[in-house]
Amino acid sequence: MALEEPGFDVGRAFPELRTTVDAAGSAHVEIGPIAPEVAGQLVALLRRAAGSGVTLDVLGD
């Protein structure tokens, strides 16, 4: 829902989207490969969220 509310067609934009919960109860989201234009839209959304004080932990950095 967090991706649908700003207008993403999740089934098309993130066809390999997966969610899991680890043993500690932390939720994880794997988006899989996405098209460059979807990546740009996602970056813009995350920048707006960061500007509002939302923080994210990004794995693989």
Protein backbone atom coordinates (compact mmCIF):
# COMPACT_ATOMS: atom_id res chain seq x y z
CA MET A 1 0.00 0.00 0.00
CA ALA A 2 2.88 2.37 0.71
CA LEU A 3 3.83 2.20 -2.97
CA GLU A 4 0.28 2.26 -4.31
CA GLU A 5 -0.73 5.44 -2.47
CA PRO A 6 1.81 7.64 -4.35
CA GLY A 7 0.65 6.11 -7.64
CA PHE A 8 2.85 3.09 -8.41
CA ASP A 9 1.22 0.15 -10.20
CA VAL A 10 3.01 -2.28 -7.91
CA GLY A 11 2.38 -5.39 -10.01
CA ARG A 12 3.94 -3.77 -13.07
CA ALA A 13 6.57 -1.52 -11.49
CA PHE A 14 7.85 -4.09 -8.97
CA PRO A 15 7.12 -7.53 -10.47
CA GLU A 16 9.57 -9.31 -8.13
CA LEU A 17 8.55 -7.53 -4.91
CA ARG A 18 9.00 -9.76 -1.85
CA THR A 19 8.52 -9.18 1.85
CA THR A 20 9.88 -11.17 4.76
CA VAL A 21 10.07 -10.93 8.52
CA ASP A 22 13.29 -12.03 10.22
CA ALA A 23 13.62 -13.95 13.48
CA ALA A 24 13.80 -10.67 15.44
CA GLY A 25 10.48 -9.54 13.93
CA SER A 26 11.95 -6.90 11.60
CA ALA A 27 10.23 -6.53 8.25
CA HIS A 28 12.30 -6.55 5.05
CA VAL A 29 11.28 -5.62 1.51
CA GLU A 30 13.15 -6.75 -1.60
CA ILE A 31 12.05 -4.91 -4.73
CA GLY A 32 14.08 -6.87 -7.29
CA PRO A 33 15.07 -5.35 -10.63
CA ILE A 34 13.07 -2.31 -11.76
CA ALA A 35 12.98 -0.11 -14.86
CA PRO A 36 15.06 3.11 -14.83
CA GLU A 37 11.98 5.35 -14.87
CA VAL A 38 10.49 3.49 -11.88
CA ALA A 39 13.83 3.86 -10.07
CA GLY A 40 13.73 7.61 -10.67
CA GLN A 41 10.20 7.86 -9.32
CA LEU A 42 11.15 5.78 -6.28
CA VAL A 43 14.20 7.97 -5.59
CA ALA A 44 12.01 11.10 -5.73
CA LEU A 45 9.52 9.51 -3.31
CA LEU A 46 12.29 8.51 -0.88
CA ARG A 47 13.84 11.98 -1.02
CA ARG A 48 10.48 13.53 -0.14
CA ALA A 49 10.10 11.05 2.73
CA ALA A 50 13.62 11.81 3.99
CA GLY A 51 12.81 15.52 3.88
CA SER A 52 9.87 14.79 6.16
CA GLY A 53 12.06 13.02 8.70
CA VAL A 54 11.50 9.39 7.62
CA THR A 55 14.58 7.22 7.99
CA LEU A 56 15.42 3.96 6.19
CA ASP A 57 17.95 1.20 6.67
CA VAL A 58 19.25 0.11 3.28
CA LEU A 59 20.90 -3.29 2.99
CA GLY A 60 23.67 -3.86 0.51
CA ASP A 61 25.30 -0.43 0.79
